[in-house]
């Protein structure tokens, strides 16, 4: 599985994230990025973002 870097994500990008409470199951939540919360260029568990609806999680898949 290739890692997604911070440079791949911009506000307005459609993504699939895993929320903290869904980490054991890996359930994906889809949405549009509002803010990128991870400051580093990469993270082993995924870049943390806030979606437009306020949901926070780590990006697992780019949908655009």
PDB file of N, CA and C in Angstrom:
ATOM      1  N   UNK A   1       0.841  -1.178   0.000  1.00  0.00           N
ATOM      2  CA  UNK A   1       0.000   0.000   0.000  1.00  0.00           C
ATOM      3  C   UNK A   1       0.888   1.244   0.000  1.00  0.00           C
ATOM      4  N   UNK A   2       0.657   2.122  -0.939  1.00  0.00           N
ATOM      5  CA  UNK A   2       1.469   3.333  -1.004  1.00  0.00           C
ATOM      6  C   UNK A   2       0.958   4.347   0.021  1.00  0.00           C
ATOM      7  N   UNK A   3       1.878   5.114   0.565  1.00  0.00           N
ATOM      8  CA  UNK A   3       1.482   6.121   1.538  1.00  0.00           C
ATOM      9  C   UNK A   3       1.067   7.402   0.813  1.00  0.00           C
ATOM     10  N   UNK A   4       0.121   8.097   1.403  1.00  0.00           N
ATOM     11  CA  UNK A   4      -0.355   9.359   0.851  1.00  0.00           C
ATOM     12  C   UNK A   4       0.362  10.473   1.589  1.00  0.00           C
ATOM     13  N   UNK A   5       1.010  11.360   0.840  1.00  0.00           N
ATOM     14  CA  UNK A   5       1.745  12.451   1.480  1.00  0.00           C
ATOM     15  C   UNK A   5       0.861  13.684   1.614  1.00  0.00           C
ATOM     16  N   UNK A   6       1.299  14.603   2.441  1.00  0.00           N
ATOM     17  CA  UNK A   6       0.552  15.833   2.679  1.00  0.00           C
ATOM     18  C   UNK A   6       0.363  16.621   1.385  1.00  0.00           C
ATOM     19  N   UNK A   7       1.346  16.569   0.490  1.00  0.00           N
ATOM     20  CA  UNK A   7       1.275  17.280  -0.776  1.00  0.00           C
ATOM     21  C   UNK A   7       0.191  16.765  -1.715  1.00  0.00           C
ATOM     22  N   UNK A   8      -0.272  15.523  -1.485  1.00  0.00           N
ATOM     23  CA  UNK A   8      -1.327  14.935  -2.320  1.00  0.00           C
ATOM     24  C   UNK A   8      -2.716  15.448  -1.944  1.00  0.00           C
ATOM     25  N   UNK A   9      -2.821  16.076  -0.771  1.00  0.00           N
ATOM     26  CA  UNK A   9      -4.122  16.475  -0.216  1.00  0.00           C
ATOM     27  C   UNK A   9      -4.211  17.993  -0.180  1.00  0.00           C
ATOM     28  N   UNK A  10      -5.337  18.506  -0.644  1.00  0.00           N
ATOM     29  CA  UNK A  10      -5.597  19.943  -0.594  1.00  0.00           C
ATOM     30  C   UNK A  10      -7.036  20.150  -0.130  1.00  0.00           C
ATOM     31  N   UNK A  11      -7.347  21.299   0.478  1.00  0.00           N
ATOM     32  CA  UNK A  11      -8.748  21.568   0.806  1.00  0.00           C
ATOM     33  C   UNK A  11      -9.608  21.431  -0.449  1.00  0.00           C
ATOM     34  N   UNK A  12     -10.723  20.735  -0.306  1.00  0.00           N
ATOM     35  CA  UNK A  12     -11.610  20.485  -1.435  1.00  0.00           C
ATOM     36  C   UNK A  12     -11.438  19.105  -2.049  1.00  0.00           C
ATOM     37  N   UNK A  13     -10.400  18.360  -1.630  1.00  0.00           N
ATOM     38  CA  UNK A  13     -10.154  17.013  -2.146  1.00  0.00           C
ATOM     39  C   UNK A  13     -11.124  16.026  -1.500  1.00  0.00           C
ATOM     40  N   UNK A  14     -11.727  15.139  -2.303  1.00  0.00           N
ATOM     41  CA  UNK A  14     -12.573  14.070  -1.754  1.00  0.00           C
ATOM     42  C   UNK A  14     -11.665  12.939  -1.293  1.00  0.00           C
ATOM     43  N   UNK A  15     -11.877  12.494  -0.054  1.00  0.00           N
ATOM     44  CA  UNK A  15     -11.032  11.466   0.537  1.00  0.00           C
ATOM     45  C   UNK A  15     -11.867  10.461   1.315  1.00  0.00           C
ATOM     46  N   UNK A  16     -11.243   9.351   1.642  1.00  0.00           N
ATOM     47  CA  UNK A  16     -11.794   8.376   2.576  1.00  0.00           C
ATOM     48  C   UNK A  16     -10.907   8.363   3.800  1.00  0.00           C
ATOM     49  N   UNK A  17     -11.500   8.573   4.973  1.00  0.00           N
ATOM     50  CA  UNK A  17     -10.726   8.619   6.215  1.00  0.00           C
ATOM     51  C   UNK A  17     -11.184   7.521   7.172  1.00  0.00           C
ATOM     52  N   UNK A  18     -10.322   7.227   8.138  1.00  0.00           N
ATOM     53  CA  UNK A  18     -10.690   6.366   9.252  1.00  0.00           C
ATOM     54  C   UNK A  18     -10.663   7.232  10.504  1.00  0.00           C
ATOM     55  N   UNK A  19     -11.822   7.302  11.180  1.00  0.00           N
ATOM     56  CA  UNK A  19     -11.905   8.054  12.427  1.00  0.00           C
ATOM     57  C   UNK A  19     -11.287   7.230  13.553  1.00  0.00           C
ATOM     58  N   UNK A  20     -10.892   7.900  14.629  1.00  0.00           N
ATOM     59  CA  UNK A  20     -10.216   7.230  15.749  1.00  0.00           C
ATOM     60  C   UNK A  20     -11.038   6.052  16.278  1.00  0.00           C
ATOM     61  N   UNK A  21     -12.333   6.257  16.464  1.00  0.00           N
ATOM     62  CA  UNK A  21     -13.169   5.190  17.024  1.00  0.00           C
ATOM     63  C   UNK A  21     -13.365   4.031  16.046  1.00  0.00           C
ATOM     64  N   UNK A  22     -13.063   4.251  14.763  1.00  0.00           N
ATOM     65  CA  UNK A  22     -13.210   3.202  13.754  1.00  0.00           C
ATOM     66  C   UNK A  22     -11.905   2.483  13.436  1.00  0.00           C
ATOM     67  N   UNK A  23     -10.809   2.830  14.112  1.00  0.00           N
ATOM     68  CA  UNK A  23      -9.518   2.210  13.822  1.00  0.00           C
ATOM     69  C   UNK A  23      -9.539   0.686  13.955  1.00  0.00           C
ATOM     70  N   UNK A  24     -10.202   0.112  14.971  1.00  0.00           N
ATOM     71  CA  UNK A  24     -10.193  -1.356  15.054  1.00  0.00           C
ATOM     72  C   UNK A  24     -10.872  -2.043  13.869  1.00  0.00           C
ATOM     73  N   UNK A  25     -11.902  -1.423  13.306  1.00  0.00           N
ATOM     74  CA  UNK A  25     -12.627  -2.038  12.189  1.00  0.00           C
ATOM     75  C   UNK A  25     -12.136  -1.539  10.836  1.00  0.00           C
ATOM     76  N   UNK A  26     -11.514  -0.353  10.799  1.00  0.00           N
ATOM     77  CA  UNK A  26     -11.042   0.218   9.548  1.00  0.00           C
ATOM     78  C   UNK A  26     -12.145   0.808   8.691  1.00  0.00           C
ATOM     79  N   UNK A  27     -13.307   1.106   9.301  1.00  0.00           N
ATOM     80  CA  UNK A  27     -14.437   1.661   8.557  1.00  0.00           C
ATOM     81  C   UNK A  27     -14.059   3.010   7.944  1.00  0.00           C
ATOM     82  N   UNK A  28     -14.345   3.161   6.656  1.00  0.00           N
ATOM     83  CA  UNK A  28     -13.993   4.369   5.907  1.00  0.00           C
ATOM     84  C   UNK A  28     -15.179   5.340   5.905  1.00  0.00           C
ATOM     85  N   UNK A  29     -14.875   6.611   6.177  1.00  0.00           N
ATOM     86  CA  UNK A  29     -15.850   7.696   6.075  1.00  0.00           C
ATOM     87  C   UNK A  29     -15.415   8.588   4.925  1.00  0.00           C
ATOM     88  N   UNK A  30     -16.330   8.858   3.998  1.00  0.00           N
ATOM     89  CA  UNK A  30     -16.006   9.696   2.846  1.00  0.00           C
ATOM     90  C   UNK A  30     -16.395  11.135   3.105  1.00  0.00           C
ATOM     91  N   UNK A  31     -15.626  12.053   2.543  1.00  0.00           N
ATOM     92  CA  UNK A  31     -15.951  13.459   2.680  1.00  0.00           C
ATOM     93  C   UNK A  31     -14.972  14.330   1.930  1.00  0.00           C
ATOM     94  N   UNK A  32     -15.153  15.640   2.095  1.00  0.00           N
ATOM     95  CA  UNK A  32     -14.317  16.636   1.418  1.00  0.00           C
ATOM     96  C   UNK A  32     -13.461  17.344   2.462  1.00  0.00           C
ATOM     97  N   UNK A  33     -12.166  17.446   2.199  1.00  0.00           N
ATOM     98  CA  UNK A  33     -11.216  18.041   3.141  1.00  0.00           C
ATOM     99  C   UNK A  33     -11.486  19.535   3.317  1.00  0.00           C
ATOM    100  N   UNK A  34     -11.555  19.947   4.589  1.00  0.00           N
ATOM    101  CA  UNK A  34     -11.632  21.371   4.920  1.00  0.00           C
ATOM    102  C   UNK A  34     -10.260  21.861   5.371  1.00  0.00           C
ATOM    103  N   UNK A  35      -9.631  21.128   6.329  1.00  0.00           N
ATOM    104  CA  UNK A  35      -8.329  21.509   6.879  1.00  0.00           C
ATOM    105  C   UNK A  35      -7.418  20.294   6.947  1.00  0.00           C
ATOM    106  N   UNK A  36      -6.118  20.518   6.743  1.00  0.00           N
ATOM    107  CA  UNK A  36      -5.103  19.481   6.943  1.00  0.00           C
ATOM    108  C   UNK A  36      -4.499  19.733   8.315  1.00  0.00           C
ATOM    109  N   UNK A  37      -4.583  18.743   9.196  1.00  0.00           N
ATOM    110  CA  UNK A  37      -4.154  18.923  10.589  1.00  0.00           C
ATOM    111  C   UNK A  37      -2.729  18.438  10.842  1.00  0.00           C
ATOM    112  N   UNK A  38      -2.234  17.488  10.048  1.00  0.00           N
ATOM    113  CA  UNK A  38      -0.866  17.002  10.199  1.00  0.00           C
ATOM    114  C   UNK A  38       0.090  18.006   9.577  1.00  0.00           C
ATOM    115  N   UNK A  39       1.102  18.413  10.329  1.00  0.00           N
ATOM    116  CA  UNK A  39       2.063  19.410   9.834  1.00  0.00           C
ATOM    117  C   UNK A  39       3.199  18.782   9.039  1.00  0.00           C
ATOM    118  N   UNK A  40       3.562  17.536   9.337  1.00  0.00           N
ATOM    119  CA  UNK A  40       4.674  16.903   8.627  1.00  0.00           C
ATOM    120  C   UNK A  40       4.229  16.444   7.234  1.00  0.00           C
ATOM    121  N   UNK A  41       5.191  16.147   6.365  1.00  0.00           N
ATOM    122  CA  UNK A  41       4.877  15.785   4.982  1.00  0.00           C
ATOM    123  C   UNK A  41       4.275  14.385   4.854  1.00  0.00           C
ATOM    124  N   UNK A  42       4.520  13.539   5.860  1.00  0.00           N
ATOM    125  CA  UNK A  42       3.934  12.197   5.839  1.00  0.00           C
ATOM    126  C   UNK A  42       3.744  11.715   7.274  1.00  0.00           C
ATOM    127  N   UNK A  43       2.953  10.659   7.424  1.00  0.00           N
ATOM    128  CA  UNK A  43       2.718  10.059   8.736  1.00  0.00           C
ATOM    129  C   UNK A  43       2.442   8.583   8.497  1.00  0.00           C
ATOM    130  N   UNK A  44       2.989   7.696   9.327  1.00  0.00           N
ATOM    131  CA  UNK A  44       2.819   6.254   9.076  1.00  0.00           C
ATOM    132  C   UNK A  44       1.364   5.783   9.132  1.00  0.00           C
ATOM    133  N   UNK A  45       0.493   6.492   9.843  1.00  0.00           N
ATOM    134  CA  UNK A  45      -0.913   6.083   9.934  1.00  0.00           C
ATOM    135  C   UNK A  45      -1.822   6.907   9.041  1.00  0.00           C
ATOM    136  N   UNK A  46      -1.266   7.847   8.294  1.00  0.00           N
ATOM    137  CA  UNK A  46      -2.053   8.673   7.396  1.00  0.00           C
ATOM    138  C   UNK A  46      -2.093  10.117   7.860  1.00  0.00           C
ATOM    139  N   UNK A  47      -2.306  11.008   6.915  1.00  0.00           N
ATOM    140  CA  UNK A  47      -2.382  12.445   7.208  1.00  0.00           C
ATOM    141  C   UNK A  47      -3.725  12.733   7.870  1.00  0.00           C
ATOM    142  N   UNK A  48      -3.693  13.440   8.993  1.00  0.00           N
ATOM    143  CA  UNK A  48      -4.929  13.763   9.711  1.00  0.00           C
ATOM    144  C   UNK A  48      -5.561  15.003   9.095  1.00  0.00           C
ATOM    145  N   UNK A  49      -6.880  14.908   8.827  1.00  0.00           N
ATOM    146  CA  UNK A  49      -7.617  16.014   8.219  1.00  0.00           C
ATOM    147  C   UNK A  49      -8.946  16.221   8.939  1.00  0.00           C
ATOM    148  N   UNK A  50      -9.512  17.418   8.737  1.00  0.00           N
ATOM    149  CA  UNK A  50     -10.878  17.716   9.170  1.00  0.00           C
ATOM    150  C   UNK A  50     -11.713  17.851   7.911  1.00  0.00           C
ATOM    151  N   UNK A  51     -12.832  17.138   7.860  1.00  0.00           N
ATOM    152  CA  UNK A  51     -13.727  17.230   6.713  1.00  0.00           C
ATOM    153  C   UNK A  51     -14.666  18.415   6.882  1.00  0.00           C
ATOM    154  N   UNK A  52     -15.365  18.775   5.811  1.00  0.00           N
ATOM    155  CA  UNK A  52     -16.284  19.921   5.842  1.00  0.00           C
ATOM    156  C   UNK A  52     -17.389  19.761   6.876  1.00  0.00           C
ATOM    157  N   UNK A  53     -17.755  18.521   7.196  1.00  0.00           N
ATOM    158  CA  UNK A  53     -18.804  18.305   8.207  1.00  0.00           C
ATOM    159  C   UNK A  53     -18.252  18.266   9.631  1.00  0.00           C
ATOM    160  N   UNK A  54     -16.931  18.497   9.785  1.00  0.00           N
ATOM    161  CA  UNK A  54     -16.312  18.537  11.107  1.00  0.00           C
ATOM    162  C   UNK A  54     -15.684  17.234  11.553  1.00  0.00           C
ATOM    163  N   UNK A  55     -15.871  16.170  10.800  1.00  0.00           N
ATOM    164  CA  UNK A  55     -15.296  14.869  11.137  1.00  0.00           C
ATOM    165  C   UNK A  55     -13.780  14.921  10.986  1.00  0.00           C
ATOM    166  N   UNK A  56     -13.068  14.318  11.953  1.00  0.00           N
ATOM    167  CA  UNK A  56     -11.602  14.278  11.925  1.00  0.00           C
ATOM    168  C   UNK A  56     -11.153  12.827  11.811  1.00  0.00           C
ATOM    169  N   UNK A  57     -10.167  12.606  10.943  1.00  0.00           N
ATOM    170  CA  UNK A  57      -9.617  11.260  10.800  1.00  0.00           C
ATOM    171  C   UNK A  57      -8.378  11.276   9.926  1.00  0.00           C
ATOM    172  N   UNK A  58      -7.827  10.094   9.714  1.00  0.00           N
ATOM    173  CA  UNK A  58      -6.604   9.964   8.917  1.00  0.00           C
ATOM    174  C   UNK A  58      -6.955   9.432   7.525  1.00  0.00           C
ATOM    175  N   UNK A  59      -6.367  10.089   6.514  1.00  0.00           N
ATOM    176  CA  UNK A  59      -6.667   9.757   5.121  1.00  0.00           C
ATOM    177  C   UNK A  59      -6.119   8.372   4.773  1.00  0.00           C
ATOM    178  N   UNK A  60      -6.984   7.540   4.240  1.00  0.00           N
ATOM    179  CA  UNK A  60      -6.593   6.206   3.782  1.00  0.00           C
ATOM    180  C   UNK A  60      -6.674   6.075   2.279  1.00  0.00           C
ATOM    181  N   UNK A  61      -7.543   6.878   1.644  1.00  0.00           N
ATOM    182  CA  UNK A  61      -7.715   6.784   0.195  1.00  0.00           C
ATOM    183  C   UNK A  61      -8.133   8.151  -0.369  1.00  0.00           C
ATOM    184  N   UNK A  62      -7.571   8.479  -1.558  1.00  0.00           N
ATOM    185  CA  UNK A  62      -7.981   9.673  -2.281  1.00  0.00           C
ATOM    186  C   UNK A  62      -9.079   9.275  -3.251  1.00  0.00           C
ATOM    187  N   UNK A  63     -10.171  10.023  -3.291  1.00  0.00           N
ATOM    188  CA  UNK A  63     -11.303   9.664  -4.146  1.00  0.00           C
ATOM    189  C   UNK A  63     -11.388  10.535  -5.395  1.00  0.00           C
ATOM    190  N   UNK A  64     -10.580  11.566  -5.502  1.00  0.00           N
ATOM    191  CA  UNK A  64     -10.583  12.414  -6.707  1.00  0.00           C
ATOM    192  C   UNK A  64      -9.664  11.846  -7.760  1.00  0.00           C
TER     193      UNK A  64
END
